[in-house]
Each structure stands twice: as C-alpha cells, then as structure tokens.
Amino acid sequence: MPARPPSHPHPSSIPATDATPAARQAFLSVKDAAEYLCLSPHTLYVWRHRRNGPPSFRMGPRGRVMYRIEALDAWIREQEQADSRSNTTLSPLDTAPQKRSDYATSA
C-alpha cells in the first residue's frame, strides 16, 4: 500500500475531537489565531492579558482561549480604519495646516 503524504490541517481547524466540524471552522486556538494574524502566540497572550488586541474567550471544560474567525476579521478591518494610510479621512495631508502657538522666548 503506498504511503499517503501527511495532510496539513487548515489553520481554521481545531484538533479537538469533541468539536463539531462547524465549530472547527468558526473558532481558532491561540496558535491558529496567531498564525492567521501572522503574529506569535506570545503576542496574543500579552494582548489578552492587557485587554487589547482581538476579542477572545474561554471555551470548554478546560477553558481553552479561543478566537472567533469573524471577530478576527472585524478586528483587522478596525485596524485598517484606524490607520491613516488605509483610511483617507484620517490622512494628515487632507487637513488644514495648524498654526503654531507663539513660543515664549527667553533672552
């Protein structure tokens, strides 16, 4: 019998045996979410501890930290909108120049 090449799971799949196929496609573990965002898992843990970064929650009896793919995508869109390079309404080039306040000169 010929050997089959190893299959690599899609990043959106969770290796939990008790999760339904739909749940494996809708939620990501910390490792998979980090891969999805091109970040390290440590970065996600730090952000979670500081209560910033993408929204996450604990799931299941072991309380695994999970990320909803929809929430990650929404968080990415929020990051894009907060960046003046992606959101032209925030571009400093489109705003009127601000007048400097007179500095007190000491002689």
N, C-alpha and C. Protein backbone atom coordinates (compact mmCIF):
# COMPACT_ATOMS: atom_id res chain seq x y z
N MET A 1 0.85 -1.17 0.00
CA MET A 1 0.00 0.00 0.00
C MET A 1 0.90 1.24 0.00
N PRO A 2 0.70 2.20 -0.95
CA PRO A 2 1.56 3.37 -1.00
C PRO A 2 1.32 4.30 0.18
N ALA A 3 2.38 4.93 0.62
CA ALA A 3 2.27 5.87 1.74
C ALA A 3 1.59 7.15 1.28
N ARG A 4 0.68 7.62 2.07
CA ARG A 4 -0.02 8.86 1.76
C ARG A 4 0.78 10.02 2.31
N PRO A 5 0.85 11.13 1.58
CA PRO A 5 1.57 12.29 2.12
C PRO A 5 0.84 12.82 3.35
N PRO A 6 1.59 13.35 4.30
CA PRO A 6 0.93 13.88 5.50
C PRO A 6 0.02 15.05 5.12
N SER A 7 -1.14 15.06 5.70
CA SER A 7 -2.06 16.16 5.43
C SER A 7 -1.83 17.24 6.47
N HIS A 8 -1.78 18.47 6.03
CA HIS A 8 -1.61 19.60 6.93
C HIS A 8 -2.97 20.21 7.17
N PRO A 9 -3.37 20.32 8.42
CA PRO A 9 -4.69 20.89 8.71
C PRO A 9 -4.75 22.36 8.32
N HIS A 10 -5.90 22.77 7.89
CA HIS A 10 -6.15 24.18 7.58
C HIS A 10 -6.04 24.96 8.88
N PRO A 11 -5.48 26.19 8.85
CA PRO A 11 -5.31 26.93 10.10
C PRO A 11 -6.61 27.15 10.86
N SER A 12 -7.74 27.10 10.17
CA SER A 12 -9.00 27.34 10.87
C SER A 12 -9.58 26.07 11.48
N SER A 13 -8.82 24.97 11.44
CA SER A 13 -9.34 23.76 12.06
C SER A 13 -8.77 23.59 13.45
N ILE A 14 -9.59 23.06 14.34
CA ILE A 14 -9.19 22.83 15.72
C ILE A 14 -9.08 21.33 15.91
N PRO A 15 -7.98 20.84 16.43
CA PRO A 15 -7.81 19.40 16.56
C PRO A 15 -8.62 18.77 17.68
N ALA A 16 -9.53 19.49 18.29
CA ALA A 16 -10.34 18.92 19.37
C ALA A 16 -11.28 17.87 18.81
N THR A 17 -11.31 16.72 19.46
CA THR A 17 -12.13 15.62 18.95
C THR A 17 -13.60 15.81 19.26
N ASP A 18 -13.93 16.62 20.27
CA ASP A 18 -15.33 16.79 20.63
C ASP A 18 -15.99 17.97 19.93
N ALA A 19 -15.25 18.73 19.12
CA ALA A 19 -15.82 19.87 18.42
C ALA A 19 -16.49 19.40 17.13
N THR A 20 -17.58 20.04 16.79
CA THR A 20 -18.26 19.73 15.54
C THR A 20 -17.47 20.32 14.38
N PRO A 21 -17.69 19.82 13.16
CA PRO A 21 -16.99 20.39 12.01
C PRO A 21 -17.24 21.89 11.85
N ALA A 22 -18.46 22.34 12.13
CA ALA A 22 -18.75 23.77 12.02
C ALA A 22 -17.95 24.57 13.03
N ALA A 23 -17.83 24.05 14.25
CA ALA A 23 -17.05 24.74 15.29
C ALA A 23 -15.58 24.78 14.91
N ARG A 24 -15.07 23.71 14.30
CA ARG A 24 -13.66 23.70 13.89
C ARG A 24 -13.40 24.74 12.81
N GLN A 25 -14.41 25.13 12.04
CA GLN A 25 -14.23 26.14 11.01
C GLN A 25 -14.50 27.54 11.52
N ALA A 26 -15.20 27.70 12.62
CA ALA A 26 -15.60 29.02 13.12
C ALA A 26 -14.67 29.57 14.19
N PHE A 27 -13.92 28.71 14.88
CA PHE A 27 -13.10 29.14 16.00
C PHE A 27 -11.65 28.73 15.79
N LEU A 28 -10.74 29.54 16.34
CA LEU A 28 -9.32 29.24 16.26
C LEU A 28 -8.71 29.22 17.65
N SER A 29 -7.76 28.34 17.84
CA SER A 29 -6.99 28.33 19.08
C SER A 29 -6.02 29.50 19.04
N VAL A 30 -5.32 29.73 20.14
CA VAL A 30 -4.35 30.82 20.18
C VAL A 30 -3.28 30.62 19.10
N LYS A 31 -2.79 29.40 19.00
CA LYS A 31 -1.75 29.11 18.00
C LYS A 31 -2.26 29.39 16.59
N ASP A 32 -3.46 28.91 16.28
CA ASP A 32 -4.01 29.09 14.94
C ASP A 32 -4.37 30.55 14.67
N ALA A 33 -4.88 31.25 15.69
CA ALA A 33 -5.20 32.67 15.53
C ALA A 33 -3.93 33.47 15.29
N ALA A 34 -2.87 33.13 15.99
CA ALA A 34 -1.59 33.81 15.78
C ALA A 34 -1.09 33.59 14.36
N GLU A 35 -1.21 32.38 13.88
CA GLU A 35 -0.81 32.08 12.51
C GLU A 35 -1.68 32.84 11.51
N TYR A 36 -2.97 32.90 11.77
CA TYR A 36 -3.92 33.60 10.92
C TYR A 36 -3.57 35.09 10.82
N LEU A 37 -3.12 35.68 11.94
CA LEU A 37 -2.78 37.10 12.00
C LEU A 37 -1.31 37.38 11.72
N CYS A 38 -0.53 36.34 11.48
CA CYS A 38 0.93 36.47 11.27
C CYS A 38 1.60 37.09 12.49
N LEU A 39 1.22 36.63 13.65
CA LEU A 39 1.79 37.08 14.92
C LEU A 39 2.28 35.86 15.69
N SER A 40 2.95 36.10 16.79
CA SER A 40 3.35 34.99 17.65
C SER A 40 2.23 34.73 18.67
N PRO A 41 2.09 33.48 19.12
CA PRO A 41 1.11 33.21 20.17
C PRO A 41 1.38 34.04 21.42
N HIS A 42 2.65 34.29 21.73
CA HIS A 42 3.00 35.09 22.90
C HIS A 42 2.39 36.49 22.80
N THR A 43 2.43 37.08 21.61
CA THR A 43 1.85 38.41 21.41
C THR A 43 0.37 38.39 21.75
N LEU A 44 -0.35 37.37 21.29
CA LEU A 44 -1.78 37.28 21.59
C LEU A 44 -2.02 37.12 23.09
N TYR A 45 -1.19 36.32 23.76
CA TYR A 45 -1.35 36.15 25.20
C TYR A 45 -1.11 37.48 25.94
N VAL A 46 -0.10 38.23 25.52
CA VAL A 46 0.20 39.52 26.15
C VAL A 46 -0.95 40.48 25.91
N TRP A 47 -1.43 40.54 24.67
CA TRP A 47 -2.55 41.43 24.36
C TRP A 47 -3.78 41.05 25.18
N ARG A 48 -4.05 39.76 25.30
CA ARG A 48 -5.21 39.30 26.07
C ARG A 48 -5.06 39.73 27.53
N HIS A 49 -3.86 39.57 28.08
CA HIS A 49 -3.61 39.96 29.46
C HIS A 49 -3.83 41.47 29.66
N ARG A 50 -3.42 42.25 28.66
CA ARG A 50 -3.56 43.71 28.73
C ARG A 50 -4.94 44.19 28.28
N ARG A 51 -5.80 43.26 27.90
CA ARG A 51 -7.15 43.55 27.44
C ARG A 51 -7.17 44.44 26.20
N ASN A 52 -6.26 44.16 25.27
CA ASN A 52 -6.33 44.78 23.96
C ASN A 52 -6.07 43.71 22.91
N GLY A 53 -6.10 44.07 21.66
CA GLY A 53 -5.97 43.08 20.62
C GLY A 53 -7.34 42.52 20.26
N PRO A 54 -7.36 41.47 19.46
CA PRO A 54 -8.65 40.91 19.03
C PRO A 54 -9.40 40.25 20.19
N PRO A 55 -10.74 40.27 20.13
CA PRO A 55 -11.52 39.66 21.21
C PRO A 55 -11.35 38.14 21.25
N SER A 56 -11.27 37.63 22.46
CA SER A 56 -11.13 36.19 22.67
C SER A 56 -12.03 35.78 23.83
N PHE A 57 -12.15 34.48 24.03
CA PHE A 57 -12.97 33.96 25.13
C PHE A 57 -12.49 32.57 25.49
N ARG A 58 -12.94 32.08 26.62
CA ARG A 58 -12.60 30.71 27.05
C ARG A 58 -13.74 29.77 26.67
N MET A 59 -13.37 28.60 26.15
CA MET A 59 -14.36 27.64 25.70
C MET A 59 -14.07 26.26 26.28
N GLY A 60 -15.12 25.59 26.65
CA GLY A 60 -15.00 24.20 27.07
C GLY A 60 -14.60 24.01 28.51
N PRO A 61 -14.61 22.75 28.94
CA PRO A 61 -14.32 22.45 30.35
C PRO A 61 -12.88 22.79 30.74
N ARG A 62 -11.96 22.77 29.81
CA ARG A 62 -10.57 23.11 30.12
C ARG A 62 -10.30 24.60 29.97
N GLY A 63 -11.28 25.36 29.52
CA GLY A 63 -11.15 26.80 29.42
C GLY A 63 -10.11 27.26 28.41
N ARG A 64 -10.08 26.59 27.26
CA ARG A 64 -9.13 27.00 26.22
C ARG A 64 -9.48 28.38 25.69
N VAL A 65 -8.46 29.18 25.48
CA VAL A 65 -8.66 30.50 24.88
C VAL A 65 -8.91 30.30 23.39
N MET A 66 -10.00 30.90 22.92
CA MET A 66 -10.38 30.74 21.53
C MET A 66 -10.68 32.09 20.90
N TYR A 67 -10.59 32.12 19.59
CA TYR A 67 -10.88 33.32 18.81
C TYR A 67 -11.89 32.95 17.73
N ARG A 68 -12.90 33.76 17.57
CA ARG A 68 -13.88 33.58 16.50
C ARG A 68 -13.29 34.22 15.24
N ILE A 69 -13.28 33.49 14.13
CA ILE A 69 -12.70 33.99 12.89
C ILE A 69 -13.38 35.29 12.47
N GLU A 70 -14.69 35.36 12.62
CA GLU A 70 -15.42 36.59 12.28
C GLU A 70 -14.90 37.78 13.09
N ALA A 71 -14.60 37.55 14.37
CA ALA A 71 -14.10 38.63 15.24
C ALA A 71 -12.69 39.05 14.83
N LEU A 72 -11.86 38.08 14.41
CA LEU A 72 -10.52 38.42 13.94
C LEU A 72 -10.60 39.28 12.69
N ASP A 73 -11.47 38.90 11.76
CA ASP A 73 -11.63 39.67 10.52
C ASP A 73 -12.14 41.08 10.82
N ALA A 74 -13.10 41.20 11.74
CA ALA A 74 -13.63 42.51 12.12
C ALA A 74 -12.54 43.35 12.79
N TRP A 75 -11.73 42.73 13.64
CA TRP A 75 -10.65 43.44 14.30
C TRP A 75 -9.62 43.94 13.29
N ILE A 76 -9.33 43.13 12.28
CA ILE A 76 -8.40 43.55 11.23
C ILE A 76 -8.96 44.76 10.49
N ARG A 77 -10.27 44.73 10.18
CA ARG A 77 -10.89 45.88 9.49
C ARG A 77 -10.81 47.13 10.37
N GLU A 78 -11.01 46.98 11.69
CA GLU A 78 -10.89 48.12 12.60
C GLU A 78 -9.47 48.69 12.58
N GLN A 79 -8.47 47.81 12.54
CA GLN A 79 -7.09 48.26 12.48
C GLN A 79 -6.83 49.04 11.20
N GLU A 80 -7.38 48.56 10.11
CA GLU A 80 -7.22 49.25 8.82
C GLU A 80 -7.85 50.63 8.86
N GLN A 81 -9.04 50.72 9.45
CA GLN A 81 -9.74 52.00 9.51
C GLN A 81 -9.07 52.99 10.45
N ALA A 82 -8.34 52.49 11.43
CA ALA A 82 -7.65 53.36 12.38
C ALA A 82 -6.32 53.87 11.84
N ASP A 83 -5.89 53.34 10.70
CA ASP A 83 -4.61 53.72 10.11
C ASP A 83 -4.84 54.73 8.99
N SER A 84 -4.18 55.86 9.06
CA SER A 84 -4.40 56.92 8.08
C SER A 84 -3.97 56.51 6.67
N ARG A 85 -3.14 55.50 6.55
CA ARG A 85 -2.74 55.05 5.21
C ARG A 85 -3.87 54.29 4.53
N SER A 86 -4.72 53.65 5.32
CA SER A 86 -5.85 52.90 4.77
C SER A 86 -7.13 53.71 4.75
N ASN A 87 -7.27 54.63 5.67
CA ASN A 87 -8.48 55.43 5.80
C ASN A 87 -8.15 56.86 5.40
N THR A 88 -8.54 57.24 4.20
CA THR A 88 -8.18 58.55 3.68
C THR A 88 -8.79 59.69 4.48
N THR A 89 -9.86 59.45 5.22
CA THR A 89 -10.44 60.53 6.03
C THR A 89 -9.54 60.90 7.19
N LEU A 90 -8.60 60.04 7.55
CA LEU A 90 -7.66 60.32 8.64
C LEU A 90 -6.32 60.87 8.13
N SER A 91 -6.19 61.02 6.83
CA SER A 91 -4.92 61.44 6.26
C SER A 91 -4.55 62.85 6.71
N PRO A 92 -3.36 63.03 7.24
CA PRO A 92 -2.95 64.37 7.65
C PRO A 92 -2.74 65.30 6.46
N LEU A 93 -2.61 64.73 5.27
CA LEU A 93 -2.42 65.55 4.08
C LEU A 93 -3.70 66.26 3.66
N ASP A 94 -4.84 65.76 4.11
CA ASP A 94 -6.13 66.34 3.73
C ASP A 94 -6.64 67.36 4.75
N THR A 95 -5.91 67.58 5.82
CA THR A 95 -6.37 68.52 6.83
C THR A 95 -5.65 69.85 6.67
N ALA A 96 -6.30 70.90 7.10
CA ALA A 96 -5.69 72.23 7.02
C ALA A 96 -4.51 72.30 7.97
N PRO A 97 -3.47 73.00 7.57
CA PRO A 97 -2.32 73.13 8.47
C PRO A 97 -2.70 73.86 9.75
N GLN A 98 -2.14 73.43 10.85
CA GLN A 98 -2.42 74.06 12.13
C GLN A 98 -1.39 75.15 12.39
N LYS A 99 -1.85 76.25 12.93
CA LYS A 99 -0.97 77.35 13.24
C LYS A 99 -0.26 77.06 14.56
N ARG A 100 1.03 77.25 14.57
CA ARG A 100 1.80 77.04 15.79
C ARG A 100 1.50 78.14 16.78
N SER A 101 1.48 77.76 18.03
CA SER A 101 1.31 78.78 19.07
C SER A 101 2.63 79.51 19.24
N ASP A 102 2.55 80.74 19.63
CA ASP A 102 3.77 81.54 19.83
C ASP A 102 4.52 81.00 21.04
N TYR A 103 5.77 80.74 20.82
CA TYR A 103 6.61 80.26 21.91
C TYR A 103 7.17 81.46 22.66
N ALA A 104 7.19 81.35 23.96
CA ALA A 104 7.79 82.41 24.77
C ALA A 104 9.29 82.31 24.59
N THR A 105 9.88 83.41 24.23
CA THR A 105 11.33 83.40 24.04
C THR A 105 11.99 83.97 25.27
N SER A 106 12.96 83.28 25.72
CA SER A 106 13.72 83.78 26.88
C SER A 106 15.07 84.25 26.40
N ALA A 107 15.42 85.47 26.73
CA ALA A 107 16.69 86.03 26.26
C ALA A 107 17.60 86.34 27.40
